[in-house]
């Protein structure tokens, strides 16, 4: 009797120990795809507590949070034959744990490789100006193409951001010269527009003041007064007049001596 009770107690203890080892707990952002004797259960487990009956059950845990992956730099030739080195940042998450486990061996690696090849091909179809100035449109195109590839795997690509675009040094110097020439062109255009507007204003002022001779004479006198205040401008003319008067007087004296 004692031996039977002891054996029963051992069996109960083993059962309890087995059940304790079967307990699994998943966080809110995790789901578990359960394979029972090789066949997948229809509904993923989690979050919270559930039982995993080892060895007939096998669990594959899937994280539902957004994953960030840096696409390594790629040497790409753009459509206008410019060699650039481009890298990007990829943001994606699992929306269907069953597909992420059943449809692809390693969805993380597969998604990264799809992003890498898509980055190379998409940038190769764009021109350099588009790559530099229309980055947002290029990002949306990358996101749509990559998401189309990963959708059968239960993976949703939320965003793709082109991070760095490294140009050859020769191309950087050429772009710097182009930017400088563009700034000089704008400066000349602005200067010409200013002179054109000033000429228009002078024309309007002349049309207004021409019918009034007194006003024209007063404006002339005002201009003389303004010029007179500028000693640096008047002094050379005064000095020239004094030199000329002195020369005339000297010539007159010499003429009188000759007589």
C-alpha atoms as a PDB file:
ATOM      1  CA  UNK A   1       0.000   0.000   0.000  1.00  0.00           C
ATOM      2  CA  UNK A   2       2.774   2.396   0.898  1.00  0.00           C
ATOM      3  CA  UNK A   3       4.681   1.481  -2.223  1.00  0.00           C
ATOM      4  CA  UNK A   4       1.603   2.096  -4.385  1.00  0.00           C
ATOM      5  CA  UNK A   5       1.035   5.487  -2.785  1.00  0.00           C
ATOM      6  CA  UNK A   6       4.700   6.355  -3.215  1.00  0.00           C
ATOM      7  CA  UNK A   7       4.582   5.324  -6.862  1.00  0.00           C
ATOM      8  CA  UNK A   8       1.432   7.396  -7.374  1.00  0.00           C
ATOM      9  CA  UNK A   9       3.085  10.365  -5.728  1.00  0.00           C
ATOM     10  CA  UNK A  10       6.102  10.009  -8.017  1.00  0.00           C
ATOM     11  CA  UNK A  11       3.863   9.808 -11.071  1.00  0.00           C
ATOM     12  CA  UNK A  12       1.902  12.873  -9.993  1.00  0.00           C
ATOM     13  CA  UNK A  13       5.118  14.723  -9.322  1.00  0.00           C
ATOM     14  CA  UNK A  14       6.459  13.842 -12.752  1.00  0.00           C
ATOM     15  CA  UNK A  15       3.217  14.953 -14.367  1.00  0.00           C
ATOM     16  CA  UNK A  16       3.303  18.223 -12.485  1.00  0.00           C
ATOM     17  CA  UNK A  17       6.956  18.728 -13.416  1.00  0.00           C
ATOM     18  CA  UNK A  18       6.174  17.977 -17.064  1.00  0.00           C
ATOM     19  CA  UNK A  19       3.289  20.433 -17.063  1.00  0.00           C
ATOM     20  CA  UNK A  20       5.535  23.073 -15.526  1.00  0.00           C
ATOM     21  CA  UNK A  21       8.066  22.576 -18.296  1.00  0.00           C
ATOM     22  CA  UNK A  22       5.253  22.903 -20.845  1.00  0.00           C
ATOM     23  CA  UNK A  23       4.302  26.386 -19.662  1.00  0.00           C
ATOM     24  CA  UNK A  24       5.211  29.177 -22.062  1.00  0.00           C
ATOM     25  CA  UNK A  25       4.667  32.915 -21.724  1.00  0.00           C
ATOM     26  CA  UNK A  26       4.725  35.357 -24.621  1.00  0.00           C
ATOM     27  CA  UNK A  27       4.895  39.134 -24.475  1.00  0.00           C
ATOM     28  CA  UNK A  28       2.286  41.405 -26.022  1.00  0.00           C
ATOM     29  CA  UNK A  29       4.386  41.933 -29.153  1.00  0.00           C
ATOM     30  CA  UNK A  30       5.058  38.193 -29.730  1.00  0.00           C
ATOM     31  CA  UNK A  31       3.140  35.390 -31.396  1.00  0.00           C
ATOM     32  CA  UNK A  32       3.957  31.662 -31.540  1.00  0.00           C
ATOM     33  CA  UNK A  33       3.325  29.382 -34.486  1.00  0.00           C
ATOM     34  CA  UNK A  34       2.857  25.854 -33.088  1.00  0.00           C
ATOM     35  CA  UNK A  35       3.721  22.704 -35.028  1.00  0.00           C
ATOM     36  CA  UNK A  36       2.103  19.556 -33.593  1.00  0.00           C
ATOM     37  CA  UNK A  37       3.592  16.399 -35.049  1.00  0.00           C
ATOM     38  CA  UNK A  38       4.713  18.446 -38.030  1.00  0.00           C
ATOM     39  CA  UNK A  39       1.337  20.043 -38.704  1.00  0.00           C
ATOM     40  CA  UNK A  40       0.811  23.711 -37.938  1.00  0.00           C
ATOM     41  CA  UNK A  41      -2.048  24.762 -35.674  1.00  0.00           C
ATOM     42  CA  UNK A  42      -4.488  27.110 -37.371  1.00  0.00           C
ATOM     43  CA  UNK A  43      -4.268  29.924 -34.818  1.00  0.00           C
ATOM     44  CA  UNK A  44      -0.966  31.351 -33.499  1.00  0.00           C
ATOM     45  CA  UNK A  45      -0.571  31.353 -29.727  1.00  0.00           C
ATOM     46  CA  UNK A  46      -0.094  34.422 -27.577  1.00  0.00           C
ATOM     47  CA  UNK A  47       0.224  36.758 -25.999  1.00  0.00           C
ATOM     48  CA  UNK A  48       0.143  35.492 -22.424  1.00  0.00           C
ATOM     49  CA  UNK A  49       0.392  31.989 -20.979  1.00  0.00           C
ATOM     50  CA  UNK A  50      -0.194  28.715 -22.830  1.00  0.00           C
ATOM     51  CA  UNK A  51       0.986  25.088 -22.791  1.00  0.00           C
ATOM     52  CA  UNK A  52       3.490  23.611 -25.219  1.00  0.00           C
ATOM     53  CA  UNK A  53       3.357  19.827 -25.044  1.00  0.00           C
ATOM     54  CA  UNK A  54       6.911  18.703 -25.641  1.00  0.00           C
ATOM     55  CA  UNK A  55       8.059  16.658 -27.610  1.00  0.00           C
ATOM     56  CA  UNK A  56       5.005  16.530 -29.860  1.00  0.00           C
ATOM     57  CA  UNK A  57       4.819  20.333 -30.138  1.00  0.00           C
ATOM     58  CA  UNK A  58       7.398  22.726 -31.584  1.00  0.00           C
ATOM     59  CA  UNK A  59       7.151  26.488 -31.314  1.00  0.00           C
ATOM     60  CA  UNK A  60       8.449  29.238 -33.612  1.00  0.00           C
ATOM     61  CA  UNK A  61       8.211  32.670 -32.000  1.00  0.00           C
ATOM     62  CA  UNK A  62       7.666  35.740 -34.183  1.00  0.00           C
ATOM     63  CA  UNK A  63       8.246  39.354 -33.126  1.00  0.00           C
ATOM     64  CA  UNK A  64       5.552  41.754 -34.367  1.00  0.00           C
ATOM     65  CA  UNK A  65       7.477  44.961 -33.676  1.00  0.00           C
ATOM     66  CA  UNK A  66       8.921  47.148 -36.442  1.00  0.00           C
ATOM     67  CA  UNK A  67      12.357  45.961 -37.509  1.00  0.00           C
ATOM     68  CA  UNK A  68      15.008  48.414 -38.720  1.00  0.00           C
ATOM     69  CA  UNK A  69      17.613  47.165 -41.155  1.00  0.00           C
ATOM     70  CA  UNK A  70      20.390  49.157 -42.839  1.00  0.00           C
ATOM     71  CA  UNK A  71      20.861  48.177 -46.476  1.00  0.00           C
ATOM     72  CA  UNK A  72      24.605  48.057 -47.056  1.00  0.00           C
ATOM     73  CA  UNK A  73      26.095  50.579 -49.537  1.00  0.00           C
ATOM     74  CA  UNK A  74      25.716  49.623 -53.175  1.00  0.00           C
ATOM     75  CA  UNK A  75      27.759  50.819 -56.156  1.00  0.00           C
ATOM     76  CA  UNK A  76      25.167  51.861 -58.728  1.00  0.00           C
ATOM     77  CA  UNK A  77      25.348  53.523 -62.150  1.00  0.00           C
ATOM     78  CA  UNK A  78      22.438  55.910 -62.659  1.00  0.00           C
ATOM     79  CA  UNK A  79      20.512  56.258 -65.890  1.00  0.00           C
ATOM     80  CA  UNK A  80      22.678  59.225 -66.912  1.00  0.00           C
ATOM     81  CA  UNK A  81      25.867  57.128 -66.399  1.00  0.00           C
ATOM     82  CA  UNK A  82      27.019  58.537 -63.054  1.00  0.00           C
ATOM     83  CA  UNK A  83      28.609  56.097 -60.606  1.00  0.00           C
ATOM     84  CA  UNK A  84      27.310  56.587 -57.054  1.00  0.00           C
ATOM     85  CA  UNK A  85      27.349  54.653 -53.797  1.00  0.00           C
ATOM     86  CA  UNK A  86      23.939  54.480 -52.115  1.00  0.00           C
ATOM     87  CA  UNK A  87      22.654  52.933 -48.902  1.00  0.00           C
ATOM     88  CA  UNK A  88      19.235  52.981 -47.277  1.00  0.00           C
ATOM     89  CA  UNK A  89      17.299  52.203 -44.090  1.00  0.00           C
ATOM     90  CA  UNK A  90      14.433  49.706 -44.223  1.00  0.00           C
ATOM     91  CA  UNK A  91      11.490  49.618 -41.774  1.00  0.00           C
ATOM     92  CA  UNK A  92       9.187  46.589 -41.785  1.00  0.00           C
ATOM     93  CA  UNK A  93       7.149  44.344 -39.491  1.00  0.00           C
ATOM     94  CA  UNK A  94       5.334  41.014 -39.535  1.00  0.00           C
ATOM     95  CA  UNK A  95       1.564  41.281 -39.976  1.00  0.00           C
ATOM     96  CA  UNK A  96       0.849  37.582 -40.523  1.00  0.00           C
ATOM     97  CA  UNK A  97       2.972  35.237 -38.358  1.00  0.00           C
ATOM     98  CA  UNK A  98       1.701  32.128 -40.168  1.00  0.00           C
ATOM     99  CA  UNK A  99       2.923  33.333 -43.578  1.00  0.00           C
ATOM    100  CA  UNK A 100       6.189  34.642 -42.136  1.00  0.00           C
ATOM    101  CA  UNK A 101       6.996  31.135 -40.885  1.00  0.00           C
ATOM    102  CA  UNK A 102       5.460  28.971 -43.601  1.00  0.00           C
ATOM    103  CA  UNK A 103       6.127  30.934 -46.806  1.00  0.00           C
ATOM    104  CA  UNK A 104       9.800  31.828 -46.341  1.00  0.00           C
ATOM    105  CA  UNK A 105      12.703  30.217 -44.533  1.00  0.00           C
ATOM    106  CA  UNK A 106      14.064  33.394 -42.896  1.00  0.00           C
ATOM    107  CA  UNK A 107      11.911  36.441 -43.474  1.00  0.00           C
ATOM    108  CA  UNK A 108      14.496  38.831 -41.980  1.00  0.00           C
ATOM    109  CA  UNK A 109      17.247  37.749 -44.354  1.00  0.00           C
ATOM    110  CA  UNK A 110      14.874  37.487 -47.311  1.00  0.00           C
ATOM    111  CA  UNK A 111      13.463  40.976 -46.785  1.00  0.00           C
ATOM    112  CA  UNK A 112      16.951  42.466 -46.490  1.00  0.00           C
ATOM    113  CA  UNK A 113      18.053  40.798 -49.728  1.00  0.00           C
ATOM    114  CA  UNK A 114      14.961  41.993 -51.588  1.00  0.00           C
ATOM    115  CA  UNK A 115      15.636  45.530 -50.339  1.00  0.00           C
ATOM    116  CA  UNK A 116      19.244  45.312 -51.490  1.00  0.00           C
ATOM    117  CA  UNK A 117      18.436  44.200 -55.035  1.00  0.00           C
ATOM    118  CA  UNK A 118      15.501  46.626 -55.331  1.00  0.00           C
ATOM    119  CA  UNK A 119      17.681  49.543 -54.205  1.00  0.00           C
ATOM    120  CA  UNK A 120      20.252  48.732 -56.871  1.00  0.00           C
ATOM    121  CA  UNK A 121      17.735  48.349 -59.687  1.00  0.00           C
ATOM    122  CA  UNK A 122      15.557  51.359 -58.751  1.00  0.00           C
ATOM    123  CA  UNK A 123      18.464  53.759 -58.357  1.00  0.00           C
ATOM    124  CA  UNK A 124      19.869  52.496 -61.656  1.00  0.00           C
ATOM    125  CA  UNK A 125      16.645  53.593 -63.384  1.00  0.00           C
ATOM    126  CA  UNK A 126      16.806  57.125 -61.940  1.00  0.00           C
ATOM    127  CA  UNK A 127      18.933  60.079 -62.982  1.00  0.00           C
ATOM    128  CA  UNK A 128      21.333  61.818 -60.623  1.00  0.00           C
ATOM    129  CA  UNK A 129      19.195  64.959 -60.304  1.00  0.00           C
ATOM    130  CA  UNK A 130      16.187  62.841 -59.383  1.00  0.00           C
ATOM    131  CA  UNK A 131      18.248  60.931 -56.827  1.00  0.00           C
ATOM    132  CA  UNK A 132      19.391  64.161 -55.169  1.00  0.00           C
ATOM    133  CA  UNK A 133      16.342  66.413 -55.500  1.00  0.00           C
ATOM    134  CA  UNK A 134      13.393  63.987 -55.516  1.00  0.00           C
ATOM    135  CA  UNK A 135      14.402  61.697 -52.688  1.00  0.00           C
ATOM    136  CA  UNK A 136      10.868  61.386 -51.290  1.00  0.00           C
ATOM    137  CA  UNK A 137       9.421  60.091 -54.553  1.00  0.00           C
ATOM    138  CA  UNK A 138      12.269  57.607 -54.864  1.00  0.00           C
ATOM    139  CA  UNK A 139      11.635  56.413 -51.303  1.00  0.00           C
ATOM    140  CA  UNK A 140       7.965  55.813 -52.049  1.00  0.00           C
ATOM    141  CA  UNK A 141       8.849  53.869 -55.173  1.00  0.00           C
ATOM    142  CA  UNK A 142      11.284  51.675 -53.218  1.00  0.00           C
ATOM    143  CA  UNK A 143       8.675  51.063 -50.501  1.00  0.00           C
ATOM    144  CA  UNK A 144       6.019  50.022 -53.024  1.00  0.00           C
ATOM    145  CA  UNK A 145       8.314  47.640 -54.907  1.00  0.00           C
ATOM    146  CA  UNK A 146       9.760  45.969 -51.795  1.00  0.00           C
ATOM    147  CA  UNK A 147       6.340  45.700 -50.160  1.00  0.00           C
ATOM    148  CA  UNK A 148       4.997  43.986 -53.278  1.00  0.00           C
ATOM    149  CA  UNK A 149       7.686  41.307 -52.909  1.00  0.00           C
ATOM    150  CA  UNK A 150       7.257  40.774 -49.161  1.00  0.00           C
ATOM    151  CA  UNK A 151       3.457  40.816 -48.976  1.00  0.00           C
ATOM    152  CA  UNK A 152       3.130  37.027 -49.695  1.00  0.00           C
ATOM    153  CA  UNK A 153       5.451  36.449 -46.706  1.00  0.00           C
ATOM    154  CA  UNK A 154       3.182  38.331 -44.287  1.00  0.00           C
ATOM    155  CA  UNK A 155       5.705  41.176 -44.015  1.00  0.00           C
ATOM    156  CA  UNK A 156       4.639  44.810 -44.354  1.00  0.00           C
ATOM    157  CA  UNK A 157       7.278  47.359 -45.404  1.00  0.00           C
ATOM    158  CA  UNK A 158       6.280  50.639 -43.766  1.00  0.00           C
ATOM    159  CA  UNK A 159       9.069  52.887 -45.065  1.00  0.00           C
ATOM    160  CA  UNK A 160      12.335  52.970 -46.989  1.00  0.00           C
ATOM    161  CA  UNK A 161      14.689  55.932 -46.610  1.00  0.00           C
ATOM    162  CA  UNK A 162      17.691  56.518 -48.855  1.00  0.00           C
ATOM    163  CA  UNK A 163      20.336  57.466 -46.298  1.00  0.00           C
ATOM    164  CA  UNK A 164      23.574  58.473 -48.047  1.00  0.00           C
ATOM    165  CA  UNK A 165      24.490  59.200 -51.645  1.00  0.00           C
ATOM    166  CA  UNK A 166      28.265  59.320 -52.138  1.00  0.00           C
ATOM    167  CA  UNK A 167      29.407  60.991 -55.345  1.00  0.00           C
ATOM    168  CA  UNK A 168      32.854  60.734 -56.967  1.00  0.00           C
ATOM    169  CA  UNK A 169      35.157  63.653 -56.195  1.00  0.00           C
ATOM    170  CA  UNK A 170      35.207  64.682 -59.855  1.00  0.00           C
ATOM    171  CA  UNK A 171      31.409  64.909 -59.886  1.00  0.00           C
ATOM    172  CA  UNK A 172      31.397  66.906 -56.636  1.00  0.00           C
ATOM    173  CA  UNK A 173      33.751  69.488 -58.158  1.00  0.00           C
ATOM    174  CA  UNK A 174      31.615  69.713 -61.289  1.00  0.00           C
ATOM    175  CA  UNK A 175      28.458  70.236 -59.226  1.00  0.00           C
ATOM    176  CA  UNK A 176      30.212  72.910 -57.158  1.00  0.00           C
ATOM    177  CA  UNK A 177      31.175  74.778 -60.351  1.00  0.00           C
ATOM    178  CA  UNK A 178      27.632  74.442 -61.639  1.00  0.00           C
ATOM    179  CA  UNK A 179      26.185  75.819 -58.397  1.00  0.00           C
ATOM    180  CA  UNK A 180      28.610  78.753 -58.472  1.00  0.00           C
ATOM    181  CA  UNK A 181      27.707  79.556 -62.069  1.00  0.00           C
ATOM    182  CA  UNK A 182      24.020  79.385 -61.180  1.00  0.00           C
ATOM    183  CA  UNK A 183      24.525  81.842 -58.294  1.00  0.00           C
ATOM    184  CA  UNK A 184      26.404  84.251 -60.587  1.00  0.00           C
ATOM    185  CA  UNK A 185      23.632  84.001 -63.183  1.00  0.00           C
ATOM    186  CA  UNK A 186      20.979  84.814 -60.574  1.00  0.00           C
ATOM    187  CA  UNK A 187      23.022  87.767 -59.309  1.00  0.00           C
ATOM    188  CA  UNK A 188      23.323  89.163 -62.829  1.00  0.00           C
ATOM    189  CA  UNK A 189      19.606  88.694 -63.471  1.00  0.00           C
ATOM    190  CA  UNK A 190      18.718  90.445 -60.216  1.00  0.00           C
ATOM    191  CA  UNK A 191      21.110  93.313 -61.034  1.00  0.00           C
ATOM    192  CA  UNK A 192      19.641  93.681 -64.529  1.00  0.00           C
ATOM    193  CA  UNK A 193      16.100  93.678 -63.143  1.00  0.00           C
ATOM    194  CA  UNK A 194      17.097  96.385 -60.645  1.00  0.00           C
ATOM    195  CA  UNK A 195      18.583  98.561 -63.395  1.00  0.00           C
ATOM    196  CA  UNK A 196      15.492  98.012 -65.546  1.00  0.00           C
ATOM    197  CA  UNK A 197      13.175  99.086 -62.721  1.00  0.00           C
ATOM    198  CA  UNK A 198      15.369 102.109 -61.967  1.00  0.00           C
ATOM    199  CA  UNK A 199      15.264 103.123 -65.650  1.00  0.00           C
ATOM    200  CA  UNK A 200      11.486 102.817 -65.660  1.00  0.00           C
ATOM    201  CA  UNK A 201      11.238 105.053 -62.594  1.00  0.00           C
ATOM    202  CA  UNK A 202      13.577 107.634 -64.164  1.00  0.00           C
ATOM    203  CA  UNK A 203      11.482 107.600 -67.325  1.00  0.00           C
ATOM    204  CA  UNK A 204       8.305 108.176 -65.339  1.00  0.00           C
ATOM    205  CA  UNK A 205       9.959 110.990 -63.381  1.00  0.00           C
ATOM    206  CA  UNK A 206      11.160 112.631 -66.607  1.00  0.00           C
ATOM    207  CA  UNK A 207       7.675 112.415 -68.125  1.00  0.00           C
ATOM    208  CA  UNK A 208       6.232 114.074 -65.038  1.00  0.00           C
ATOM    209  CA  UNK A 209       8.789 116.886 -64.691  1.00  0.00           C
ATOM    210  CA  UNK A 210       9.335 117.764 -68.391  1.00  0.00           C
ATOM    211  CA  UNK A 211       6.186 119.925 -68.823  1.00  0.00           C
ATOM    212  CA  UNK A 212       7.300 122.135 -65.903  1.00  0.00           C
ATOM    213  CA  UNK A 213      10.546 124.023 -66.699  1.00  0.00           C
ATOM    214  CA  UNK A 214      10.756 125.617 -63.263  1.00  0.00           C
ATOM    215  CA  UNK A 215      10.565 122.246 -61.586  1.00  0.00           C
ATOM    216  CA  UNK A 216      13.252 120.975 -63.946  1.00  0.00           C
ATOM    217  CA  UNK A 217      15.509 123.936 -63.080  1.00  0.00           C
ATOM    218  CA  UNK A 218      14.920 123.437 -59.329  1.00  0.00           C
ATOM    219  CA  UNK A 219      15.815 119.773 -59.666  1.00  0.00           C
ATOM    220  CA  UNK A 220      18.983 120.750 -61.522  1.00  0.00           C
ATOM    221  CA  UNK A 221      19.942 123.198 -58.770  1.00  0.00           C
ATOM    222  CA  UNK A 222      19.224 120.550 -56.131  1.00  0.00           C
ATOM    223  CA  UNK A 223      21.479 118.124 -57.953  1.00  0.00           C
ATOM    224  CA  UNK A 224      24.249 120.763 -58.055  1.00  0.00           C
ATOM    225  CA  UNK A 225      23.873 121.293 -54.319  1.00  0.00           C
ATOM    226  CA  UNK A 226      24.172 117.574 -53.703  1.00  0.00           C
ATOM    227  CA  UNK A 227      27.265 117.403 -55.869  1.00  0.00           C
ATOM    228  CA  UNK A 228      28.790 120.392 -54.090  1.00  0.00           C
ATOM    229  CA  UNK A 229      28.546 118.611 -50.768  1.00  0.00           C
ATOM    230  CA  UNK A 230      30.710 115.811 -52.154  1.00  0.00           C
ATOM    231  CA  UNK A 231      34.127 117.478 -51.833  1.00  0.00           C
ATOM    232  CA  UNK A 232      35.934 114.496 -53.211  1.00  0.00           C
ATOM    233  CA  UNK A 233      34.035 114.804 -56.451  1.00  0.00           C
ATOM    234  CA  UNK A 234      34.270 118.595 -56.836  1.00  0.00           C
ATOM    235  CA  UNK A 235      37.897 119.041 -55.748  1.00  0.00           C
ATOM    236  CA  UNK A 236      39.476 117.583 -58.931  1.00  0.00           C
ATOM    237  CA  UNK A 237      37.417 119.916 -61.128  1.00  0.00           C
ATOM    238  CA  UNK A 238      38.289 122.940 -58.987  1.00  0.00           C
ATOM    239  CA  UNK A 239      41.969 122.025 -59.043  1.00  0.00           C
ATOM    240  CA  UNK A 240      41.828 121.590 -62.810  1.00  0.00           C
ATOM    241  CA  UNK A 241      40.192 125.022 -63.204  1.00  0.00           C
ATOM    242  CA  UNK A 242      42.787 126.643 -60.949  1.00  0.00           C
ATOM    243  CA  UNK A 243      45.634 125.062 -62.923  1.00  0.00           C
ATOM    244  CA  UNK A 244      44.077 126.214 -66.178  1.00  0.00           C
ATOM    245  CA  UNK A 245      43.599 129.800 -64.895  1.00  0.00           C
ATOM    246  CA  UNK A 246      47.192 129.839 -63.605  1.00  0.00           C
ATOM    247  CA  UNK A 247      48.459 128.634 -66.967  1.00  0.00           C
ATOM    248  CA  UNK A 248      46.472 131.300 -68.787  1.00  0.00           C
ATOM    249  CA  UNK A 249      47.904 134.011 -66.539  1.00  0.00           C
ATOM    250  CA  UNK A 250      51.462 132.774 -67.073  1.00  0.00           C
ATOM    251  CA  UNK A 251      50.983 132.782 -70.833  1.00  0.00           C
ATOM    252  CA  UNK A 252      49.592 136.317 -70.643  1.00  0.00           C
ATOM    253  CA  UNK A 253      52.625 137.559 -68.663  1.00  0.00           C
ATOM    254  CA  UNK A 254      55.057 135.977 -71.086  1.00  0.00           C
ATOM    255  CA  UNK A 255      53.234 137.623 -73.951  1.00  0.00           C
ATOM    256  CA  UNK A 256      53.501 141.019 -72.338  1.00  0.00           C
ATOM    257  CA  UNK A 257      57.269 140.553 -71.793  1.00  0.00           C
ATOM    258  CA  UNK A 258      57.780 139.657 -75.411  1.00  0.00           C
ATOM    259  CA  UNK A 259      56.076 142.858 -76.475  1.00  0.00           C
END
